[in-house]
C-alpha atoms as a PDB file:
ATOM      1  CA  MET A   1      27.949 -68.645   9.108  1.00  0.00           C
ATOM      2  CA  LEU A   2      26.592 -65.379   7.877  1.00  0.00           C
ATOM      3  CA  THR A   3      28.012 -63.834   4.762  1.00  0.00           C
ATOM      4  CA  SER A   4      27.582 -60.413   3.316  1.00  0.00           C
ATOM      5  CA  GLY A   5      23.953 -59.819   1.939  1.00  0.00           C
ATOM      6  CA  ASN A   6      22.661 -62.805   3.858  1.00  0.00           C
ATOM      7  CA  GLU A   7      22.545 -61.447   7.373  1.00  0.00           C
ATOM      8  CA  GLY A   8      18.812 -62.053   8.236  1.00  0.00           C
ATOM      9  CA  PRO A   9      15.271 -61.759   6.878  1.00  0.00           C
ATOM     10  CA  SER A  10      15.040 -60.381   3.295  1.00  0.00           C
ATOM     11  CA  SER A  11      11.914 -58.212   3.760  1.00  0.00           C
ATOM     12  CA  LEU A  12      10.352 -55.796   6.297  1.00  0.00           C
ATOM     13  CA  SER A  13       7.627 -58.098   7.056  1.00  0.00           C
ATOM     14  CA  ALA A  14       9.956 -60.872   7.801  1.00  0.00           C
ATOM     15  CA  TRP A  15      11.878 -58.628  10.260  1.00  0.00           C
ATOM     16  CA  ARG A  16       8.593 -57.609  11.981  1.00  0.00           C
ATOM     17  CA  LYS A  17       7.551 -61.270  12.416  1.00  0.00           C
ATOM     18  CA  LEU A  18      11.149 -62.067  13.837  1.00  0.00           C
ATOM     19  CA  ILE A  19      10.941 -58.997  16.163  1.00  0.00           C
ATOM     20  CA  GLN A  20       7.267 -59.980  17.144  1.00  0.00           C
ATOM     21  CA  ALA A  21       8.514 -63.593  18.040  1.00  0.00           C
ATOM     22  CA  ILE A  22      11.376 -62.340  20.110  1.00  0.00           C
ATOM     23  CA  MET A  23       8.903 -59.894  21.968  1.00  0.00           C
ATOM     24  CA  ALA A  24       6.521 -62.899  22.752  1.00  0.00           C
ATOM     25  CA  CYS A  25       9.549 -64.946  24.215  1.00  0.00           C
ATOM     26  CA  VAL A  26      10.544 -61.869  26.318  1.00  0.00           C
ATOM     27  CA  ALA A  27       6.891 -61.599  27.443  1.00  0.00           C
ATOM     28  CA  ASP A  28       6.878 -65.284  28.560  1.00  0.00           C
ATOM     29  CA  ILE A  29      10.091 -65.025  30.356  1.00  0.00           C
ATOM     30  CA  TYR A  30       8.871 -61.745  32.171  1.00  0.00           C
ATOM     31  CA  ALA A  31       5.662 -63.557  33.053  1.00  0.00           C
ATOM     32  CA  LEU A  32       7.420 -66.606  34.504  1.00  0.00           C
ATOM     33  CA  SER A  33       9.881 -64.581  36.395  1.00  0.00           C
ATOM     34  CA  ASN A  34       7.103 -62.478  38.078  1.00  0.00           C
ATOM     35  CA  ALA A  35       5.282 -65.939  39.223  1.00  0.00           C
ATOM     36  CA  ILE A  36       8.454 -66.944  40.959  1.00  0.00           C
ATOM     37  CA  ILE A  37      10.124 -63.485  42.273  1.00  0.00           C
ATOM     38  CA  PRO A  38       8.097 -60.282  42.417  1.00  0.00           C
ATOM     39  CA  PRO A  39       9.819 -57.602  40.146  1.00  0.00           C
ATOM     40  CA  LEU A  40      11.792 -54.959  41.653  1.00  0.00           C
ATOM     41  CA  PRO A  41      11.946 -51.356  40.527  1.00  0.00           C
ATOM     42  CA  LEU A  42      15.059 -50.518  38.517  1.00  0.00           C
ATOM     43  CA  ASN A  43      16.292 -48.299  41.440  1.00  0.00           C
ATOM     44  CA  TYR A  44      15.580 -50.834  44.258  1.00  0.00           C
ATOM     45  CA  ASN A  45      16.708 -50.631  47.775  1.00  0.00           C
ATOM     46  CA  ILE A  46      16.534 -53.984  49.654  1.00  0.00           C
ATOM     47  CA  GLN A  47      16.101 -53.873  53.532  1.00  0.00           C
ATOM     48  CA  ASP A  48      16.916 -57.229  55.189  1.00  0.00           C
ATOM     49  CA  ALA A  49      15.679 -58.103  58.476  1.00  0.00           C
ATOM     50  CA  ALA A  50      16.051 -61.206  60.726  1.00  0.00           C
ATOM     51  CA  PRO A  51      13.352 -60.274  63.173  1.00  0.00           C
ATOM     52  CA  LEU A  52      12.446 -62.133  66.256  1.00  0.00           C
ATOM     53  CA  THR A  53       8.650 -62.727  67.574  1.00  0.00           C
ATOM     54  CA  GLY A  54       7.034 -59.724  68.914  1.00  0.00           C
ATOM     55  CA  THR A  55       9.461 -57.215  67.569  1.00  0.00           C
ATOM     56  CA  VAL A  56       9.061 -54.169  65.273  1.00  0.00           C
ATOM     57  CA  VAL A  57      10.651 -53.723  61.882  1.00  0.00           C
ATOM     58  CA  ALA A  58      10.803 -50.243  60.632  1.00  0.00           C
ATOM     59  CA  VAL A  59      11.021 -49.789  56.995  1.00  0.00           C
ATOM     60  CA  THR A  60      13.624 -47.189  56.072  1.00  0.00           C
ATOM     61  CA  GLY A  61      12.530 -44.315  53.693  1.00  0.00           C
ATOM     62  CA  THR A  62      14.701 -45.511  50.920  1.00  0.00           C
ATOM     63  CA  ALA A  63      13.784 -49.024  50.964  1.00  0.00           C
ATOM     64  CA  ASN A  64      11.278 -50.382  48.502  1.00  0.00           C
ATOM     65  CA  TYR A  65      11.936 -54.148  49.171  1.00  0.00           C
ATOM     66  CA  LEU A  66      11.616 -55.603  52.648  1.00  0.00           C
ATOM     67  CA  ALA A  67      12.980 -59.033  52.834  1.00  0.00           C
ATOM     68  CA  LEU A  68      11.990 -60.719  56.179  1.00  0.00           C
ATOM     69  CA  ASN A  69      14.161 -63.832  56.949  1.00  0.00           C
ATOM     70  CA  PRO A  70      13.451 -64.922  60.549  1.00  0.00           C
ATOM     71  CA  ALA A  71      14.921 -68.116  61.816  1.00  0.00           C
ATOM     72  CA  GLY A  72      11.558 -69.779  62.000  1.00  0.00           C
ATOM     73  CA  THR A  73       7.750 -69.095  62.384  1.00  0.00           C
ATOM     74  CA  LEU A  74       6.866 -65.974  64.187  1.00  0.00           C
ATOM     75  CA  ALA A  75       3.799 -65.476  66.409  1.00  0.00           C
ATOM     76  CA  THR A  76       3.720 -61.780  65.913  1.00  0.00           C
ATOM     77  CA  LEU A  77       5.578 -59.025  64.226  1.00  0.00           C
ATOM     78  CA  SER A  78       4.811 -55.456  63.472  1.00  0.00           C
ATOM     79  CA  ILE A  79       6.067 -53.440  60.444  1.00  0.00           C
ATOM     80  CA  THR A  80       6.329 -49.710  60.652  1.00  0.00           C
ATOM     81  CA  LEU A  81       5.705 -48.099  57.185  1.00  0.00           C
ATOM     82  CA  PRO A  82       8.077 -45.229  55.913  1.00  0.00           C
ATOM     83  CA  GLU A  83       7.245 -41.897  57.577  1.00  0.00           C
ATOM     84  CA  THR A  84       7.019 -39.789  54.512  1.00  0.00           C
ATOM     85  CA  PRO A  85       6.257 -41.850  51.441  1.00  0.00           C
ATOM     86  CA  THR A  86       6.067 -40.157  48.100  1.00  0.00           C
ATOM     87  CA  ASN A  87       3.064 -40.633  45.556  1.00  0.00           C
ATOM     88  CA  GLY A  88       3.655 -44.000  43.591  1.00  0.00           C
ATOM     89  CA  GLN A  89       6.392 -45.212  45.911  1.00  0.00           C
ATOM     90  CA  PRO A  90       6.598 -48.949  45.749  1.00  0.00           C
ATOM     91  CA  LEU A  91       7.040 -51.324  48.627  1.00  0.00           C
ATOM     92  CA  VAL A  92       7.294 -55.178  48.405  1.00  0.00           C
ATOM     93  CA  ILE A  93       7.348 -57.057  51.608  1.00  0.00           C
ATOM     94  CA  TYR A  94       8.428 -60.832  51.549  1.00  0.00           C
ATOM     95  CA  SER A  95       8.835 -63.360  54.245  1.00  0.00           C
ATOM     96  CA  SER A  96      10.707 -66.587  54.083  1.00  0.00           C
ATOM     97  CA  GLN A  97       8.778 -67.860  57.172  1.00  0.00           C
ATOM     98  CA  ILE A  98       5.201 -67.768  58.566  1.00  0.00           C
ATOM     99  CA  ILE A  99       4.141 -64.758  60.520  1.00  0.00           C
ATOM    100  CA  THR A 100       1.055 -65.757  62.351  1.00  0.00           C
ATOM    101  CA  ALA A 101      -0.107 -62.240  63.186  1.00  0.00           C
ATOM    102  CA  LEU A 102       1.464 -59.370  61.210  1.00  0.00           C
ATOM    103  CA  THR A 103       0.416 -55.760  61.831  1.00  0.00           C
ATOM    104  CA  PHE A 104       1.346 -52.486  60.161  1.00  0.00           C
ATOM    105  CA  THR A 105       1.845 -49.260  62.015  1.00  0.00           C
ATOM    106  CA  GLY A 106       2.623 -45.809  60.817  1.00  0.00           C
ATOM    107  CA  GLY A 107       0.226 -45.660  57.959  1.00  0.00           C
ATOM    108  CA  THR A 108      -2.720 -47.467  56.400  1.00  0.00           C
ATOM    109  CA  VAL A 109      -2.732 -50.310  54.201  1.00  0.00           C
ATOM    110  CA  GLN A 110      -5.933 -50.915  51.956  1.00  0.00           C
ATOM    111  CA  GLY A 111      -7.516 -54.205  53.161  1.00  0.00           C
ATOM    112  CA  TYR A 112      -5.457 -54.711  56.286  1.00  0.00           C
ATOM    113  CA  SER A 113      -6.849 -53.179  59.400  1.00  0.00           C
ATOM    114  CA  GLY A 114      -5.653 -55.650  61.963  1.00  0.00           C
ATOM    115  CA  ALA A 115      -3.293 -58.668  62.376  1.00  0.00           C
ATOM    116  CA  PHE A 116      -3.240 -61.122  59.669  1.00  0.00           C
ATOM    117  CA  GLN A 117      -1.322 -64.160  58.828  1.00  0.00           C
ATOM    118  CA  PHE A 118       1.549 -63.843  56.286  1.00  0.00           C
ATOM    119  CA  ASN A 119       2.656 -67.135  54.770  1.00  0.00           C
ATOM    120  CA  ALA A 120       6.208 -68.291  54.005  1.00  0.00           C
ATOM    121  CA  GLY A 121       7.468 -67.262  50.556  1.00  0.00           C
ATOM    122  CA  GLN A 122       4.404 -64.873  50.342  1.00  0.00           C
ATOM    123  CA  SER A 123       4.997 -61.316  49.032  1.00  0.00           C
ATOM    124  CA  LEU A 124       2.765 -58.314  49.305  1.00  0.00           C
ATOM    125  CA  ARG A 125       3.242 -55.441  46.781  1.00  0.00           C
ATOM    126  CA  LEU A 126       2.146 -51.993  47.782  1.00  0.00           C
ATOM    127  CA  THR A 127       2.061 -48.620  46.298  1.00  0.00           C
ATOM    128  CA  TYR A 128       1.584 -45.299  48.201  1.00  0.00           C
ATOM    129  CA  ASP A 129      -1.156 -42.953  46.987  1.00  0.00           C
ATOM    130  CA  THR A 130      -0.956 -39.455  48.403  1.00  0.00           C
ATOM    131  CA  ALA A 131      -4.495 -38.520  47.353  1.00  0.00           C
ATOM    132  CA  GLN A 132      -5.874 -41.544  49.615  1.00  0.00           C
ATOM    133  CA  THR A 133      -3.125 -41.150  52.065  1.00  0.00           C
ATOM    134  CA  LYS A 134      -2.597 -44.899  52.274  1.00  0.00           C
ATOM    135  CA  TRP A 135      -0.764 -47.800  50.662  1.00  0.00           C
ATOM    136  CA  LEU A 136      -2.637 -49.629  47.997  1.00  0.00           C
ATOM    137  CA  ILE A 137      -2.189 -53.090  46.975  1.00  0.00           C
ATOM    138  CA  ALA A 138      -0.499 -53.132  43.629  1.00  0.00           C
END
């Protein structure tokens, strides 16, 4: 039990050490959470989709997290990127299932020019760059 005059560390350096220890714990928790679930922006909008193979999923202009939850493995899927992205706009794409051949339309994604395999549980973090007019891997 705390009593008056005995509420915590007695010196400024002791308080600093306590705060540094707390910040180290917060950093460890943040790093662990990022390894499990990609971080979302504070003002995030999740767009859920349960696509079938061969379909197109259009990312809405307000979405910055696309959660793909198909019933099973998809042979092909195409994602249409937002029509008018803003500079620095984030977009995280996640799939619960394997997509054997994923493609992007409506924009350019750095490093992805054709179909590629997207694994179950994988996420791809993108940020739009207006100077380069393309989505960059974040």
